Structure formats: C-alpha cells, structure tokens
All heavy atoms as atom14 arrays in JSON, in Angstrom:
{
  "sequence": "ADSFIAANPDLLTGAILKRYSNGRAVTAQAR",
  "atom14_mask": [
    [1, 1, 1, 1, 1, 0, 0, 0, 0, 0, 0, 0, 0, 0],
    [1, 1, 1, 1, 1, 1, 1, 1, 0, 0, 0, 0, 0, 0],
    [1, 1, 1, 1, 1, 1, 0, 0, 0, 0, 0, 0, 0, 0],
    [1, 1, 1, 1, 1, 1, 1, 1, 1, 1, 1, 0, 0, 0],
    [1, 1, 1, 1, 1, 1, 1, 1, 0, 0, 0, 0, 0, 0],
    [1, 1, 1, 1, 1, 0, 0, 0, 0, 0, 0, 0, 0, 0],
    [1, 1, 1, 1, 1, 0, 0, 0, 0, 0, 0, 0, 0, 0],
    [1, 1, 1, 1, 1, 1, 1, 1, 0, 0, 0, 0, 0, 0],
    [1, 1, 1, 1, 1, 1, 1, 0, 0, 0, 0, 0, 0, 0],
    [1, 1, 1, 1, 1, 1, 1, 1, 0, 0, 0, 0, 0, 0],
    [1, 1, 1, 1, 1, 1, 1, 1, 0, 0, 0, 0, 0, 0],
    [1, 1, 1, 1, 1, 1, 1, 1, 0, 0, 0, 0, 0, 0],
    [1, 1, 1, 1, 1, 1, 1, 0, 0, 0, 0, 0, 0, 0],
    [1, 1, 1, 1, 0, 0, 0, 0, 0, 0, 0, 0, 0, 0],
    [1, 1, 1, 1, 1, 0, 0, 0, 0, 0, 0, 0, 0, 0],
    [1, 1, 1, 1, 1, 1, 1, 1, 0, 0, 0, 0, 0, 0],
    [1, 1, 1, 1, 1, 1, 1, 1, 0, 0, 0, 0, 0, 0],
    [1, 1, 1, 1, 1, 1, 1, 1, 1, 0, 0, 0, 0, 0],
    [1, 1, 1, 1, 1, 1, 1, 1, 1, 1, 1, 0, 0, 0],
    [1, 1, 1, 1, 1, 1, 1, 1, 1, 1, 1, 1, 0, 0],
    [1, 1, 1, 1, 1, 1, 0, 0, 0, 0, 0, 0, 0, 0],
    [1, 1, 1, 1, 1, 1, 1, 1, 0, 0, 0, 0, 0, 0],
    [1, 1, 1, 1, 0, 0, 0, 0, 0, 0, 0, 0, 0, 0],
    [1, 1, 1, 1, 1, 1, 1, 1, 1, 1, 1, 0, 0, 0],
    [1, 1, 1, 1, 1, 0, 0, 0, 0, 0, 0, 0, 0, 0],
    [1, 1, 1, 1, 1, 1, 1, 0, 0, 0, 0, 0, 0, 0],
    [1, 1, 1, 1, 1, 1, 1, 0, 0, 0, 0, 0, 0, 0],
    [1, 1, 1, 1, 1, 0, 0, 0, 0, 0, 0, 0, 0, 0],
    [1, 1, 1, 1, 1, 1, 1, 1, 1, 0, 0, 0, 0, 0],
    [1, 1, 1, 1, 1, 0, 0, 0, 0, 0, 0, 0, 0, 0],
    [1, 1, 1, 1, 1, 1, 1, 1, 1, 1, 1, 0, 0, 0]
  ],
  "atom14_positions": [
    [[63.64, 74.43, 190.36], [64.58, 73.41, 189.88], [64.26, 72.94, 188.47], [65.17, 72.71, 187.67], [64.61, 72.22, 190.85], [0.0, 0.0, 0.0], [0.0, 0.0, 0.0], [0.0, 0.0, 0.0], [0.0, 0.0, 0.0], [0.0, 0.0, 0.0], [0.0, 0.0, 0.0], [0.0, 0.0, 0.0], [0.0, 0.0, 0.0], [0.0, 0.0, 0.0]],
    [[62.99, 72.81, 188.15], [62.62, 72.37, 186.81], [63.11, 73.36, 185.75], [63.62, 72.96, 184.7], [61.11, 72.18, 186.69], [60.61, 70.98, 187.46], [61.26, 69.92, 187.4], [59.57, 71.1, 188.13], [0.0, 0.0, 0.0], [0.0, 0.0, 0.0], [0.0, 0.0, 0.0], [0.0, 0.0, 0.0], [0.0, 0.0, 0.0], [0.0, 0.0, 0.0]],
    [[62.97, 74.65, 186.02], [63.44, 75.68, 185.09], [64.95, 75.64, 184.97], [65.51, 75.8, 183.88], [63.01, 77.07, 185.55], [61.61, 77.16, 185.59], [0.0, 0.0, 0.0], [0.0, 0.0, 0.0], [0.0, 0.0, 0.0], [0.0, 0.0, 0.0], [0.0, 0.0, 0.0], [0.0, 0.0, 0.0], [0.0, 0.0, 0.0], [0.0, 0.0, 0.0]],
    [[65.62, 75.43, 186.1], [67.08, 75.33, 186.09], [67.54, 74.16, 185.22], [68.42, 74.31, 184.38], [67.61, 75.16, 187.52], [69.09, 74.94, 187.57], [69.96, 76.02, 187.5], [69.62, 73.66, 187.66], [71.33, 75.82, 187.51], [70.98, 73.45, 187.68], [71.84, 74.54, 187.6], [0.0, 0.0, 0.0], [0.0, 0.0, 0.0], [0.0, 0.0, 0.0]],
    [[66.93, 73.01, 185.42], [67.3, 71.81, 184.65], [67.02, 72.02, 183.16], [67.85, 71.67, 182.31], [66.6, 70.56, 185.22], [67.16, 70.25, 186.61], [66.75, 69.37, 184.28], [66.34, 69.23, 187.4], [0.0, 0.0, 0.0], [0.0, 0.0, 0.0], [0.0, 0.0, 0.0], [0.0, 0.0, 0.0], [0.0, 0.0, 0.0], [0.0, 0.0, 0.0]],
    [[65.88, 72.59, 182.85], [65.54, 72.84, 181.44], [66.55, 73.77, 180.76], [66.86, 73.6, 179.58], [64.13, 73.41, 181.33], [0.0, 0.0, 0.0], [0.0, 0.0, 0.0], [0.0, 0.0, 0.0], [0.0, 0.0, 0.0], [0.0, 0.0, 0.0], [0.0, 0.0, 0.0], [0.0, 0.0, 0.0], [0.0, 0.0, 0.0], [0.0, 0.0, 0.0]],
    [[67.07, 74.73, 181.51], [68.02, 75.7, 180.96], [69.45, 75.17, 180.93], [70.33, 75.8, 180.32], [67.96, 76.99, 181.76], [0.0, 0.0, 0.0], [0.0, 0.0, 0.0], [0.0, 0.0, 0.0], [0.0, 0.0, 0.0], [0.0, 0.0, 0.0], [0.0, 0.0, 0.0], [0.0, 0.0, 0.0], [0.0, 0.0, 0.0], [0.0, 0.0, 0.0]],
    [[69.69, 74.04, 181.58], [71.04, 73.49, 181.69], [71.07, 72.0, 181.34], [71.51, 71.17, 182.14], [71.56, 73.71, 183.12], [71.75, 75.16, 183.44], [72.73, 75.77, 183.03], [70.8, 75.74, 184.16], [0.0, 0.0, 0.0], [0.0, 0.0, 0.0], [0.0, 0.0, 0.0], [0.0, 0.0, 0.0], [0.0, 0.0, 0.0], [0.0, 0.0, 0.0]],
    [[70.63, 71.65, 180.14], [70.55, 70.23, 179.79], [71.89, 69.51, 179.75], [71.94, 68.28, 179.9], [69.88, 70.24, 178.41], [70.22, 71.58, 177.84], [70.22, 72.51, 179.03], [0.0, 0.0, 0.0], [0.0, 0.0, 0.0], [0.0, 0.0, 0.0], [0.0, 0.0, 0.0], [0.0, 0.0, 0.0], [0.0, 0.0, 0.0], [0.0, 0.0, 0.0]],
    [[72.98, 70.26, 179.6], [74.3, 69.62, 179.59], [74.62, 68.95, 180.92], [75.4, 68.0, 180.97], [75.4, 70.62, 179.23], [75.52, 71.74, 180.26], [74.49, 72.42, 180.54], [76.62, 71.93, 180.79], [0.0, 0.0, 0.0], [0.0, 0.0, 0.0], [0.0, 0.0, 0.0], [0.0, 0.0, 0.0], [0.0, 0.0, 0.0], [0.0, 0.0, 0.0]],
    [[73.99, 69.41, 182.0], [74.22, 68.79, 183.31], [73.65, 67.37, 183.35], [74.08, 66.55, 184.15], [73.62, 69.64, 184.43], [74.29, 70.98, 184.67], [73.53, 71.75, 185.74], [75.75, 70.82, 185.04], [0.0, 0.0, 0.0], [0.0, 0.0, 0.0], [0.0, 0.0, 0.0], [0.0, 0.0, 0.0], [0.0, 0.0, 0.0], [0.0, 0.0, 0.0]],
    [[72.69, 67.1, 182.49], [72.1, 65.76, 182.44], [72.98, 64.76, 181.7], [72.8, 63.55, 181.85], [70.71, 65.82, 181.79], [69.68, 66.67, 182.52], [68.4, 66.76, 181.71], [69.42, 66.13, 183.91], [0.0, 0.0, 0.0], [0.0, 0.0, 0.0], [0.0, 0.0, 0.0], [0.0, 0.0, 0.0], [0.0, 0.0, 0.0], [0.0, 0.0, 0.0]],
    [[73.91, 65.25, 180.92], [74.75, 64.36, 180.11], [76.03, 63.94, 180.79], [76.72, 63.05, 180.3], [75.13, 65.05, 178.78], [76.02, 66.13, 179.07], [73.91, 65.52, 178.03], [0.0, 0.0, 0.0], [0.0, 0.0, 0.0], [0.0, 0.0, 0.0], [0.0, 0.0, 0.0], [0.0, 0.0, 0.0], [0.0, 0.0, 0.0], [0.0, 0.0, 0.0]],
    [[76.39, 64.6, 181.87], [77.66, 64.29, 182.52], [78.83, 64.97, 181.84], [79.99, 64.62, 182.08], [0.0, 0.0, 0.0], [0.0, 0.0, 0.0], [0.0, 0.0, 0.0], [0.0, 0.0, 0.0], [0.0, 0.0, 0.0], [0.0, 0.0, 0.0], [0.0, 0.0, 0.0], [0.0, 0.0, 0.0], [0.0, 0.0, 0.0], [0.0, 0.0, 0.0]],
    [[78.56, 65.96, 180.97], [79.62, 66.65, 180.25], [80.65, 67.28, 181.18], [81.81, 67.43, 180.83], [79.02, 67.71, 179.33], [0.0, 0.0, 0.0], [0.0, 0.0, 0.0], [0.0, 0.0, 0.0], [0.0, 0.0, 0.0], [0.0, 0.0, 0.0], [0.0, 0.0, 0.0], [0.0, 0.0, 0.0], [0.0, 0.0, 0.0], [0.0, 0.0, 0.0]],
    [[80.23, 67.61, 182.38], [81.13, 68.22, 183.35], [82.34, 67.33, 183.64], [83.42, 67.79, 183.96], [80.36, 68.56, 184.65], [81.18, 69.45, 185.56], [79.94, 67.32, 185.38], [80.4, 69.98, 186.74], [0.0, 0.0, 0.0], [0.0, 0.0, 0.0], [0.0, 0.0, 0.0], [0.0, 0.0, 0.0], [0.0, 0.0, 0.0], [0.0, 0.0, 0.0]],
    [[82.18, 66.03, 183.45], [83.27, 65.09, 183.74], [84.35, 65.13, 182.67], [85.43, 64.54, 182.87], [82.72, 63.68, 183.92], [81.73, 63.55, 185.08], [81.22, 62.13, 185.19], [82.36, 64.0, 186.4], [0.0, 0.0, 0.0], [0.0, 0.0, 0.0], [0.0, 0.0, 0.0], [0.0, 0.0, 0.0], [0.0, 0.0, 0.0], [0.0, 0.0, 0.0]],
    [[84.12, 65.85, 181.58], [85.14, 66.02, 180.55], [86.29, 66.88, 181.06], [87.32, 66.99, 180.4], [84.55, 66.61, 179.28], [83.64, 65.64, 178.56], [83.09, 66.24, 177.3], [82.16, 65.24, 176.62], [81.56, 65.77, 175.43], [0.0, 0.0, 0.0], [0.0, 0.0, 0.0], [0.0, 0.0, 0.0], [0.0, 0.0, 0.0], [0.0, 0.0, 0.0]],
    [[86.13, 67.47, 182.21], [87.2, 68.28, 182.82], [88.21, 67.42, 183.58], [89.15, 67.92, 184.15], [86.6, 69.31, 183.76], [85.72, 70.3, 183.06], [85.14, 71.28, 184.02], [84.1, 72.05, 183.37], [83.22, 72.79, 184.02], [83.26, 72.84, 185.33], [82.31, 73.45, 183.37], [0.0, 0.0, 0.0], [0.0, 0.0, 0.0], [0.0, 0.0, 0.0]],
    [[87.95, 66.12, 183.6], [88.83, 65.17, 184.28], [89.45, 64.23, 183.25], [88.78, 63.78, 182.33], [88.03, 64.34, 185.29], [87.47, 65.16, 186.43], [86.25, 65.81, 186.31], [88.18, 65.29, 187.61], [85.75, 66.57, 187.35], [87.68, 66.06, 188.66], [86.47, 66.7, 188.52], [85.98, 67.45, 189.54], [0.0, 0.0, 0.0], [0.0, 0.0, 0.0]],
    [[90.73, 63.94, 183.43], [91.36, 62.99, 182.52], [90.67, 61.63, 182.64], [89.99, 61.35, 183.64], [92.86, 62.88, 182.81], [93.08, 62.53, 184.16], [0.0, 0.0, 0.0], [0.0, 0.0, 0.0], [0.0, 0.0, 0.0], [0.0, 0.0, 0.0], [0.0, 0.0, 0.0], [0.0, 0.0, 0.0], [0.0, 0.0, 0.0], [0.0, 0.0, 0.0]],
    [[90.85, 60.82, 181.63], [90.15, 59.55, 181.51], [90.24, 58.7, 182.78], [91.31, 58.31, 183.2], [90.71, 58.76, 180.32], [89.84, 57.58, 179.98], [88.65, 57.56, 180.27], [90.44, 56.58, 179.37], [0.0, 0.0, 0.0], [0.0, 0.0, 0.0], [0.0, 0.0, 0.0], [0.0, 0.0, 0.0], [0.0, 0.0, 0.0], [0.0, 0.0, 0.0]],
    [[89.09, 58.46, 183.39], [89.02, 57.59, 184.56], [89.3, 58.26, 185.9], [89.01, 57.7, 186.94], [0.0, 0.0, 0.0], [0.0, 0.0, 0.0], [0.0, 0.0, 0.0], [0.0, 0.0, 0.0], [0.0, 0.0, 0.0], [0.0, 0.0, 0.0], [0.0, 0.0, 0.0], [0.0, 0.0, 0.0], [0.0, 0.0, 0.0], [0.0, 0.0, 0.0]],
    [[89.86, 59.46, 185.9], [90.25, 60.12, 187.15], [89.08, 60.31, 188.12], [89.24, 60.13, 189.32], [90.88, 61.47, 186.83], [91.25, 62.31, 188.06], [91.94, 63.6, 187.63], [91.99, 64.61, 188.66], [92.9, 64.67, 189.61], [93.85, 63.77, 189.68], [92.86, 65.65, 190.52], [0.0, 0.0, 0.0], [0.0, 0.0, 0.0], [0.0, 0.0, 0.0]],
    [[87.92, 60.67, 187.62], [86.79, 60.99, 188.5], [86.06, 59.76, 189.04], [85.18, 59.9, 189.9], [85.8, 61.88, 187.76], [0.0, 0.0, 0.0], [0.0, 0.0, 0.0], [0.0, 0.0, 0.0], [0.0, 0.0, 0.0], [0.0, 0.0, 0.0], [0.0, 0.0, 0.0], [0.0, 0.0, 0.0], [0.0, 0.0, 0.0], [0.0, 0.0, 0.0]],
    [[86.42, 58.59, 188.58], [85.68, 57.39, 189.0], [86.56, 56.36, 189.7], [86.13, 55.23, 189.9], [84.92, 56.75, 187.82], [83.84, 57.68, 187.31], [85.87, 56.37, 186.7], [0.0, 0.0, 0.0], [0.0, 0.0, 0.0], [0.0, 0.0, 0.0], [0.0, 0.0, 0.0], [0.0, 0.0, 0.0], [0.0, 0.0, 0.0], [0.0, 0.0, 0.0]],
    [[87.75, 56.75, 190.12], [88.61, 55.82, 190.85], [88.09, 55.65, 192.27], [87.27, 56.44, 192.76], [90.05, 56.36, 190.92], [90.06, 57.57, 191.69], [90.63, 56.6, 189.53], [0.0, 0.0, 0.0], [0.0, 0.0, 0.0], [0.0, 0.0, 0.0], [0.0, 0.0, 0.0], [0.0, 0.0, 0.0], [0.0, 0.0, 0.0], [0.0, 0.0, 0.0]],
    [[88.58, 54.63, 192.94], [88.2, 54.41, 194.34], [88.57, 55.61, 195.19], [87.81, 56.02, 196.08], [88.86, 53.13, 194.87], [0.0, 0.0, 0.0], [0.0, 0.0, 0.0], [0.0, 0.0, 0.0], [0.0, 0.0, 0.0], [0.0, 0.0, 0.0], [0.0, 0.0, 0.0], [0.0, 0.0, 0.0], [0.0, 0.0, 0.0], [0.0, 0.0, 0.0]],
    [[89.73, 56.18, 194.91], [90.16, 57.36, 195.68], [89.24, 58.55, 195.4], [88.91, 59.31, 196.31], [91.61, 57.69, 195.35], [92.2, 58.73, 196.27], [93.66, 59.02, 195.96], [94.13, 58.77, 194.86], [94.36, 59.56, 196.94], [0.0, 0.0, 0.0], [0.0, 0.0, 0.0], [0.0, 0.0, 0.0], [0.0, 0.0, 0.0], [0.0, 0.0, 0.0]],
    [[88.82, 58.72, 194.15], [87.92, 59.83, 193.79], [86.56, 59.68, 194.45], [85.86, 60.66, 194.67], [87.76, 59.91, 192.28], [0.0, 0.0, 0.0], [0.0, 0.0, 0.0], [0.0, 0.0, 0.0], [0.0, 0.0, 0.0], [0.0, 0.0, 0.0], [0.0, 0.0, 0.0], [0.0, 0.0, 0.0], [0.0, 0.0, 0.0], [0.0, 0.0, 0.0]],
    [[86.19, 58.45, 194.77], [84.92, 58.23, 195.47], [85.02, 58.7, 196.92], [84.06, 59.19, 197.48], [84.53, 56.76, 195.43], [84.14, 56.28, 194.05], [83.76, 54.79, 194.08], [83.53, 54.29, 192.75], [82.46, 54.55, 192.01], [81.51, 55.32, 192.47], [82.34, 54.03, 190.81], [0.0, 0.0, 0.0], [0.0, 0.0, 0.0], [0.0, 0.0, 0.0]]
  ]
}
C-alpha cells in the first residue's frame, strides 16, 4: 500500500472529485 500511495499522490488530493459537478458528490443523497 505504501508503494501504491507513493505512486499515486493525486489520490491524496481528492482530484478524483473533479469528475463531479460542483457539490454533487457531497449532497445528503450522495452520502
């Protein structure tokens, strides 16, 4: 896991959430 995380630092930034329109991923329904 440490090697995986080191090779994928973008996962630590939450950049993956840029694939969702503003606020979509954090609504009550999305939870």
